[in-house]
C-alpha atoms as a PDB file:
ATOM      1  CA  MET A   1     -27.638  22.323   2.424  1.00  0.00           C
ATOM      2  CA  LYS A   2     -26.695  18.226   3.835  1.00  0.00           C
ATOM      3  CA  LEU A   3     -22.055  17.863   4.873  1.00  0.00           C
ATOM      4  CA  ASN A   4     -20.690  14.716   4.901  1.00  0.00           C
ATOM      5  CA  LYS A   5     -18.247  16.019   7.384  1.00  0.00           C
ATOM      6  CA  LYS A   6     -16.543  12.941   6.477  1.00  0.00           C
ATOM      7  CA  VAL A   7     -12.895  14.083   4.000  1.00  0.00           C
ATOM      8  CA  HIS A   8      -9.618  11.541   3.001  1.00  0.00           C
ATOM      9  CA  VAL A   9      -7.548  14.041   2.169  1.00  0.00           C
ATOM     10  CA  GLU A  10      -4.499  12.127  -0.156  1.00  0.00           C
ATOM     11  CA  VAL A  11      -1.437  14.076  -0.316  1.00  0.00           C
ATOM     12  CA  ILE A  12       0.962  12.089  -3.143  1.00  0.00           C
ATOM     13  CA  GLY A  13       4.322  12.934  -3.709  1.00  0.00           C
ATOM     14  CA  PRO A  14       7.644  10.793  -3.460  1.00  0.00           C
ATOM     15  CA  ASN A  15       9.169   9.166  -0.445  1.00  0.00           C
ATOM     16  CA  PRO A  16      10.912  10.835   1.124  1.00  0.00           C
ATOM     17  CA  PRO A  17       8.704  13.869  -0.030  1.00  0.00           C
ATOM     18  CA  CYS A  18       9.949  16.936  -1.870  1.00  0.00           C
ATOM     19  CA  PRO A  19       9.926  20.636  -0.128  1.00  0.00           C
ATOM     20  CA  ARG A  20       6.749  21.262  -2.196  1.00  0.00           C
ATOM     21  CA  CYS A  21       5.144  17.732  -1.005  1.00  0.00           C
ATOM     22  CA  THR A  22       5.947  19.123   2.468  1.00  0.00           C
ATOM     23  CA  ALA A  23       4.246  21.950   1.832  1.00  0.00           C
ATOM     24  CA  VAL A  24       0.926  20.782   0.537  1.00  0.00           C
ATOM     25  CA  LEU A  25       1.061  18.053   3.501  1.00  0.00           C
ATOM     26  CA  LYS A  26       1.598  20.924   6.529  1.00  0.00           C
ATOM     27  CA  ASN A  27      -1.617  23.133   4.433  1.00  0.00           C
ATOM     28  CA  ALA A  28      -3.637  20.050   4.364  1.00  0.00           C
ATOM     29  CA  GLU A  29      -3.092  19.654   7.947  1.00  0.00           C
ATOM     30  CA  LYS A  30      -3.419  23.131   8.923  1.00  0.00           C
ATOM     31  CA  ALA A  31      -7.061  22.908   6.846  1.00  0.00           C
ATOM     32  CA  ALA A  32      -8.033  19.979   8.301  1.00  0.00           C
ATOM     33  CA  SER A  33      -7.123  21.228  12.293  1.00  0.00           C
ATOM     34  CA  LYS A  34      -9.168  23.873  11.937  1.00  0.00           C
ATOM     35  CA  LEU A  35     -12.162  22.090  10.213  1.00  0.00           C
ATOM     36  CA  LYS A  36     -11.885  19.586  13.003  1.00  0.00           C
ATOM     37  CA  ALA A  37     -12.865  21.992  15.589  1.00  0.00           C
ATOM     38  CA  GLU A  38     -15.631  22.843  13.633  1.00  0.00           C
ATOM     39  CA  GLY A  39     -17.300  18.946  14.032  1.00  0.00           C
ATOM     40  CA  PHE A  40     -15.520  17.807  10.458  1.00  0.00           C
ATOM     41  CA  GLU A  41     -14.015  14.656  10.473  1.00  0.00           C
ATOM     42  CA  VAL A  42     -10.711  14.629   7.859  1.00  0.00           C
ATOM     43  CA  GLU A  43      -8.332  12.337   7.749  1.00  0.00           C
ATOM     44  CA  VAL A  44      -4.917  13.373   6.325  1.00  0.00           C
ATOM     45  CA  LYS A  45      -2.414  10.779   4.299  1.00  0.00           C
ATOM     46  CA  LYS A  46       0.337  11.290   2.462  1.00  0.00           C
ATOM     47  CA  LEU A  47       0.932   9.270  -0.384  1.00  0.00           C
ATOM     48  CA  ASP A  48       3.821   7.742  -1.996  1.00  0.00           C
ATOM     49  CA  ILE A  49       3.524   8.482  -5.988  1.00  0.00           C
ATOM     50  CA  MET A  50       5.668   5.448  -6.785  1.00  0.00           C
ATOM     51  CA  ALA A  51       3.896   2.749  -4.727  1.00  0.00           C
ATOM     52  CA  GLU A  52       1.759   0.321  -6.296  1.00  0.00           C
ATOM     53  CA  ASP A  53      -1.420   0.771  -4.664  1.00  0.00           C
ATOM     54  CA  THR A  54      -1.434   4.438  -5.487  1.00  0.00           C
ATOM     55  CA  ILE A  55      -0.480   3.961  -9.510  1.00  0.00           C
ATOM     56  CA  SER A  56      -3.676   1.712  -9.541  1.00  0.00           C
ATOM     57  CA  LYS A  57      -5.706   4.206  -7.610  1.00  0.00           C
ATOM     58  CA  TYR A  58      -4.782   7.452  -9.748  1.00  0.00           C
ATOM     59  CA  ALA A  59      -3.945   5.498 -13.095  1.00  0.00           C
ATOM     60  CA  LYS A  60      -7.427   7.230 -14.605  1.00  0.00           C
ATOM     61  CA  TYR A  61      -5.160  10.533 -14.346  1.00  0.00           C
ATOM     62  CA  SER A  62      -2.773   9.234 -16.529  1.00  0.00           C
ATOM     63  CA  VAL A  63       0.336  11.259 -15.504  1.00  0.00           C
ATOM     64  CA  LEU A  64       0.891  12.371 -11.727  1.00  0.00           C
ATOM     65  CA  MET A  65       2.855  15.448 -11.367  1.00  0.00           C
ATOM     66  CA  SER A  66       3.476  16.575  -7.637  1.00  0.00           C
ATOM     67  CA  PRO A  67       2.198  17.118  -5.593  1.00  0.00           C
ATOM     68  CA  VAL A  68      -1.303  15.808  -5.767  1.00  0.00           C
ATOM     69  CA  LEU A  69      -4.455  17.076  -3.386  1.00  0.00           C
ATOM     70  CA  ALA A  70      -6.632  14.721  -3.863  1.00  0.00           C
ATOM     71  CA  LEU A  71     -10.360  14.562  -2.031  1.00  0.00           C
ATOM     72  CA  ASN A  72     -11.924  11.405  -1.268  1.00  0.00           C
ATOM     73  CA  GLY A  73     -10.450  10.090  -4.158  1.00  0.00           C
ATOM     74  CA  THR A  74     -10.741  12.477  -6.895  1.00  0.00           C
ATOM     75  CA  VAL A  75      -7.083  15.122  -7.765  1.00  0.00           C
ATOM     76  CA  LYS A  76      -8.219  18.377  -6.716  1.00  0.00           C
ATOM     77  CA  VAL A  77      -5.376  19.572  -7.278  1.00  0.00           C
ATOM     78  CA  MET A  78      -1.758  18.944  -9.277  1.00  0.00           C
ATOM     79  CA  GLY A  79       1.553  20.154 -10.052  1.00  0.00           C
ATOM     80  CA  ARG A  80       1.188  22.889  -7.599  1.00  0.00           C
ATOM     81  CA  ILE A  81       1.085  23.808  -3.876  1.00  0.00           C
ATOM     82  CA  PRO A  82      -2.314  25.532  -1.895  1.00  0.00           C
ATOM     83  CA  ASN A  83      -2.552  27.433   0.659  1.00  0.00           C
ATOM     84  CA  ALA A  84      -4.143  26.493   4.054  1.00  0.00           C
ATOM     85  CA  THR A  85      -7.309  28.758   2.675  1.00  0.00           C
ATOM     86  CA  GLU A  86      -7.787  27.079  -0.355  1.00  0.00           C
ATOM     87  CA  ALA A  87      -7.044  23.703   0.673  1.00  0.00           C
ATOM     88  CA  GLU A  88      -9.599  24.359   4.065  1.00  0.00           C
ATOM     89  CA  LYS A  89     -12.418  25.393   0.813  1.00  0.00           C
ATOM     90  CA  LEU A  90     -11.310  22.501  -1.190  1.00  0.00           C
ATOM     91  CA  ILE A  91     -12.304  20.526   1.861  1.00  0.00           C
ATOM     92  CA  ARG A  92     -15.692  22.651   2.906  1.00  0.00           C
ATOM     93  CA  ASP A  93     -16.753  21.697  -0.275  1.00  0.00           C
ATOM     94  CA  ALA A  94     -15.834  17.637  -0.673  1.00  0.00           C
ATOM     95  CA  ALA A  95     -18.000  17.442   2.339  1.00  0.00           C
ATOM     96  CA  LYS A  96     -21.146  18.733   0.833  1.00  0.00           C
END
């Protein structure tokens, strides 16, 4: 199985971030750090749920309920906090 190994991770929530969004960002960064050590290229960004560019990019999902974890432009988790292990699995899957 060929791996893309490049994954764009976006954590979407209010600005300033709420504790739930901060937890998602922390877990995504922890997972990204582990995967970077294995040779994956992972970029983690925090996006403001109220920003015009975020709204237009993710408008196809109608209502965004924060926190949101999106990988390569696709929402994977909405409205809950994935732990670092789940985030790592989702990132690995997105690299396939």
